Each structure stands twice: as C-alpha cells, then as structure tokens.
Amino acid sequence: MAIKTTINFDDEMEAALTELVKIDGSKKLAVKRSLIAEVKRRRRSQSMLDLIASWEADEGPIHREHLDWADSVLDRQGVAR
C-alpha cells in the first residue's frame, strides 16, 4: 500500500536533494534510497551500541586504556566523533 507524504524543504534540503538526484536519477528514487540508507546506518549504529552494552554486561566495563587506543586509531583515520 502506497502512502503519500508532503515534505517542505528549505534551501539546504533542496540543494541536498538536487545533489542526490544527480546520483539516483529522480527525486522519488533519491528520497527512497536516502531514507533506506539512513535507516540501515542507524540500525548498524544501534547494533554496535547493543553489542558493546552486551559485552560490558558480560565482561565488565571496557578499560580506559583500550578506549584511549581506539580513540587514537579513529583520530588517525580522520573519523569524526
């Protein structure tokens, strides 16, 4: 069953959509693919948080030294946190 939704875009959102249309070919495809990609990204993020919580429940908190090491690796790779 299809559901129709109206969304008002500001200039920034319109520019983003224009950029995505160049990749996906149409506004409809751009919006659909973007929504699906975002849901998948959020599910992966939540899965990682759930995994860490489960690990810590079984093994105890992650040691500060390990967290510092992981932060330094992410910094070297330019990952935004």
N, C-alpha and C. Protein backbone atom coordinates (compact mmCIF):
# COMPACT_ATOMS: atom_id res chain seq x y z
N MET A 1 0.83 -1.17 0.00
CA MET A 1 0.00 0.00 0.00
C MET A 1 0.88 1.24 0.00
N ALA A 2 0.66 2.11 -0.93
CA ALA A 2 1.43 3.35 -1.04
C ALA A 2 0.80 4.43 -0.18
N ILE A 3 1.66 5.22 0.45
CA ILE A 3 1.22 6.36 1.25
C ILE A 3 1.89 7.60 0.71
N LYS A 4 1.14 8.66 0.53
CA LYS A 4 1.69 9.90 0.01
C LYS A 4 1.97 10.85 1.17
N THR A 5 3.16 11.44 1.15
CA THR A 5 3.57 12.37 2.19
C THR A 5 4.12 13.63 1.53
N THR A 6 3.78 14.77 2.08
CA THR A 6 4.30 16.04 1.59
C THR A 6 5.35 16.55 2.56
N ILE A 7 6.50 16.93 2.02
CA ILE A 7 7.59 17.45 2.84
C ILE A 7 8.03 18.79 2.25
N ASN A 8 8.12 19.81 3.09
CA ASN A 8 8.62 21.11 2.66
C ASN A 8 10.12 21.18 2.93
N PHE A 9 10.89 21.53 1.91
CA PHE A 9 12.35 21.60 2.03
C PHE A 9 12.80 23.05 2.11
N ASP A 10 13.76 23.31 2.98
CA ASP A 10 14.41 24.62 2.97
C ASP A 10 15.50 24.58 1.89
N ASP A 11 16.24 25.65 1.75
CA ASP A 11 17.25 25.73 0.68
C ASP A 11 18.32 24.65 0.82
N GLU A 12 18.74 24.37 2.05
CA GLU A 12 19.78 23.36 2.27
C GLU A 12 19.28 21.97 1.87
N MET A 13 18.05 21.66 2.23
CA MET A 13 17.48 20.36 1.88
C MET A 13 17.27 20.25 0.37
N GLU A 14 16.84 21.32 -0.26
CA GLU A 14 16.63 21.32 -1.71
C GLU A 14 17.95 21.10 -2.43
N ALA A 15 19.02 21.73 -1.95
CA ALA A 15 20.35 21.53 -2.55
C ALA A 15 20.80 20.09 -2.38
N ALA A 16 20.56 19.52 -1.20
CA ALA A 16 20.93 18.13 -0.97
C ALA A 16 20.16 17.20 -1.90
N LEU A 17 18.87 17.46 -2.06
CA LEU A 17 18.06 16.64 -2.95
C LEU A 17 18.53 16.76 -4.39
N THR A 18 18.86 17.96 -4.82
CA THR A 18 19.38 18.17 -6.17
C THR A 18 20.64 17.35 -6.39
N GLU A 19 21.52 17.33 -5.39
CA GLU A 19 22.75 16.54 -5.48
C GLU A 19 22.44 15.05 -5.58
N LEU A 20 21.49 14.60 -4.78
CA LEU A 20 21.13 13.18 -4.81
C LEU A 20 20.45 12.78 -6.11
N VAL A 21 19.67 13.68 -6.69
CA VAL A 21 19.01 13.38 -7.96
C VAL A 21 20.05 13.13 -9.05
N LYS A 22 21.17 13.84 -8.99
CA LYS A 22 22.25 13.60 -9.97
C LYS A 22 22.78 12.18 -9.87
N ILE A 23 22.72 11.61 -8.68
CA ILE A 23 23.20 10.25 -8.45
C ILE A 23 22.11 9.23 -8.79
N ASP A 24 20.90 9.49 -8.30
CA ASP A 24 19.83 8.49 -8.37
C ASP A 24 18.89 8.65 -9.56
N GLY A 25 18.88 9.81 -10.21
CA GLY A 25 18.11 9.98 -11.43
C GLY A 25 16.75 10.62 -11.29
N SER A 26 16.13 10.50 -10.12
CA SER A 26 14.83 11.14 -9.93
C SER A 26 14.66 11.49 -8.46
N LYS A 27 13.78 12.45 -8.20
CA LYS A 27 13.53 12.84 -6.81
C LYS A 27 12.98 11.66 -6.01
N LYS A 28 12.06 10.93 -6.62
CA LYS A 28 11.44 9.81 -5.92
C LYS A 28 12.50 8.78 -5.51
N LEU A 29 13.35 8.39 -6.44
CA LEU A 29 14.40 7.43 -6.12
C LEU A 29 15.40 7.99 -5.10
N ALA A 30 15.74 9.26 -5.24
CA ALA A 30 16.70 9.88 -4.33
C ALA A 30 16.17 9.85 -2.90
N VAL A 31 14.91 10.21 -2.72
CA VAL A 31 14.32 10.23 -1.39
C VAL A 31 14.21 8.81 -0.83
N LYS A 32 13.72 7.88 -1.64
CA LYS A 32 13.57 6.50 -1.17
C LYS A 32 14.91 5.90 -0.77
N ARG A 33 15.90 6.03 -1.64
CA ARG A 33 17.21 5.44 -1.34
C ARG A 33 17.87 6.08 -0.14
N SER A 34 17.69 7.38 0.01
CA SER A 34 18.27 8.08 1.15
C SER A 34 17.63 7.63 2.46
N LEU A 35 16.32 7.50 2.47
CA LEU A 35 15.64 7.04 3.68
C LEU A 35 16.07 5.63 4.06
N ILE A 36 16.13 4.76 3.08
CA ILE A 36 16.54 3.38 3.35
C ILE A 36 17.99 3.34 3.85
N ALA A 37 18.86 4.11 3.22
CA ALA A 37 20.27 4.14 3.64
C ALA A 37 20.41 4.66 5.07
N GLU A 38 19.64 5.67 5.41
CA GLU A 38 19.71 6.23 6.77
C GLU A 38 19.20 5.25 7.81
N VAL A 39 18.13 4.55 7.50
CA VAL A 39 17.61 3.54 8.43
C VAL A 39 18.66 2.44 8.64
N LYS A 40 19.29 2.00 7.57
CA LYS A 40 20.32 0.96 7.70
C LYS A 40 21.50 1.46 8.52
N ARG A 41 21.90 2.73 8.32
CA ARG A 41 23.01 3.30 9.07
C ARG A 41 22.67 3.36 10.56
N ARG A 42 21.47 3.79 10.86
CA ARG A 42 21.05 3.89 12.27
C ARG A 42 20.93 2.51 12.90
N ARG A 43 20.46 1.52 12.15
CA ARG A 43 20.38 0.16 12.69
C ARG A 43 21.78 -0.37 13.01
N ARG A 44 22.74 -0.12 12.10
CA ARG A 44 24.12 -0.56 12.35
C ARG A 44 24.69 0.11 13.59
N SER A 45 24.45 1.41 13.71
CA SER A 45 24.94 2.15 14.89
C SER A 45 24.33 1.58 16.17
N GLN A 46 23.02 1.34 16.15
CA GLN A 46 22.37 0.80 17.34
C GLN A 46 22.85 -0.61 17.63
N SER A 47 23.08 -1.40 16.60
CA SER A 47 23.59 -2.75 16.79
C SER A 47 24.96 -2.73 17.47
N MET A 48 25.80 -1.77 17.08
CA MET A 48 27.12 -1.65 17.69
C MET A 48 26.99 -1.26 19.16
N LEU A 49 26.10 -0.32 19.45
CA LEU A 49 25.87 0.08 20.84
C LEU A 49 25.33 -1.09 21.66
N ASP A 50 24.43 -1.86 21.08
CA ASP A 50 23.88 -3.04 21.77
C ASP A 50 24.97 -4.07 22.03
N LEU A 51 25.85 -4.28 21.04
CA LEU A 51 26.95 -5.23 21.19
C LEU A 51 27.88 -4.80 22.33
N ILE A 52 28.21 -3.53 22.36
CA ILE A 52 29.09 -3.02 23.42
C ILE A 52 28.42 -3.17 24.78
N ALA A 53 27.15 -2.84 24.89
CA ALA A 53 26.43 -2.98 26.16
C ALA A 53 26.40 -4.44 26.61
N SER A 54 26.17 -5.35 25.67
CA SER A 54 26.16 -6.77 25.99
C SER A 54 27.53 -7.24 26.46
N TRP A 55 28.57 -6.80 25.75
CA TRP A 55 29.94 -7.15 26.11
C TRP A 55 30.25 -6.68 27.53
N GLU A 56 29.91 -5.42 27.80
CA GLU A 56 30.19 -4.86 29.12
C GLU A 56 29.37 -5.55 30.21
N ALA A 57 28.17 -5.99 29.89
CA ALA A 57 27.35 -6.71 30.87
C ALA A 57 27.99 -8.04 31.23
N ASP A 58 28.63 -8.69 30.25
CA ASP A 58 29.27 -9.98 30.48
C ASP A 58 30.68 -9.86 31.05
N GLU A 59 31.43 -8.88 30.55
CA GLU A 59 32.86 -8.80 30.85
C GLU A 59 33.26 -7.63 31.75
N GLY A 60 32.34 -6.71 31.98
CA GLY A 60 32.67 -5.51 32.73
C GLY A 60 33.01 -4.38 31.79
N PRO A 61 33.17 -3.19 32.35
CA PRO A 61 33.45 -2.02 31.51
C PRO A 61 34.73 -2.18 30.70
N ILE A 62 34.73 -1.57 29.53
CA ILE A 62 35.93 -1.56 28.70
C ILE A 62 36.96 -0.68 29.37
N HIS A 63 38.19 -1.15 29.43
CA HIS A 63 39.25 -0.43 30.13
C HIS A 63 39.57 0.89 29.44
N ARG A 64 39.87 1.89 30.22
CA ARG A 64 40.19 3.22 29.72
C ARG A 64 41.34 3.18 28.72
N GLU A 65 42.36 2.35 28.96
CA GLU A 65 43.50 2.26 28.04
C GLU A 65 43.05 1.81 26.65
N HIS A 66 42.12 0.87 26.62
CA HIS A 66 41.63 0.39 25.32
C HIS A 66 40.82 1.48 24.62
N LEU A 67 40.00 2.21 25.38
CA LEU A 67 39.22 3.30 24.79
C LEU A 67 40.14 4.39 24.25
N ASP A 68 41.20 4.70 24.99
CA ASP A 68 42.16 5.70 24.52
C ASP A 68 42.85 5.25 23.24
N TRP A 69 43.21 3.96 23.18
CA TRP A 69 43.83 3.40 21.97
C TRP A 69 42.85 3.51 20.79
N ALA A 70 41.59 3.13 21.02
CA ALA A 70 40.58 3.18 19.94
C ALA A 70 40.38 4.62 19.47
N ASP A 71 40.36 5.56 20.41
CA ASP A 71 40.22 6.97 20.03
C ASP A 71 41.39 7.43 19.16
N SER A 72 42.60 6.99 19.50
CA SER A 72 43.77 7.40 18.71
C SER A 72 43.71 6.81 17.30
N VAL A 73 43.21 5.59 17.18
CA VAL A 73 43.05 4.98 15.85
C VAL A 73 42.03 5.76 15.03
N LEU A 74 40.89 6.09 15.64
CA LEU A 74 39.87 6.86 14.93
C LEU A 74 40.40 8.23 14.53
N ASP A 75 41.17 8.87 15.42
CA ASP A 75 41.74 10.19 15.10
C ASP A 75 42.69 10.09 13.91
N ARG A 76 43.53 9.06 13.89
CA ARG A 76 44.48 8.90 12.77
C ARG A 76 43.75 8.67 11.46
N GLN A 77 42.61 8.02 11.52
CA GLN A 77 41.85 7.74 10.31
C GLN A 77 40.91 8.89 9.94
N GLY A 78 40.88 9.93 10.77
CA GLY A 78 40.04 11.09 10.47
C GLY A 78 38.56 10.86 10.68
N VAL A 79 38.22 9.91 11.53
CA VAL A 79 36.79 9.62 11.78
C VAL A 79 36.24 10.67 12.75
N ALA A 80 35.15 11.29 12.34
CA ALA A 80 34.51 12.29 13.20
C ALA A 80 33.81 11.60 14.36
N ARG A 81 33.93 12.20 15.52
CA ARG A 81 33.24 11.64 16.71
C ARG A 81 32.40 12.69 17.35
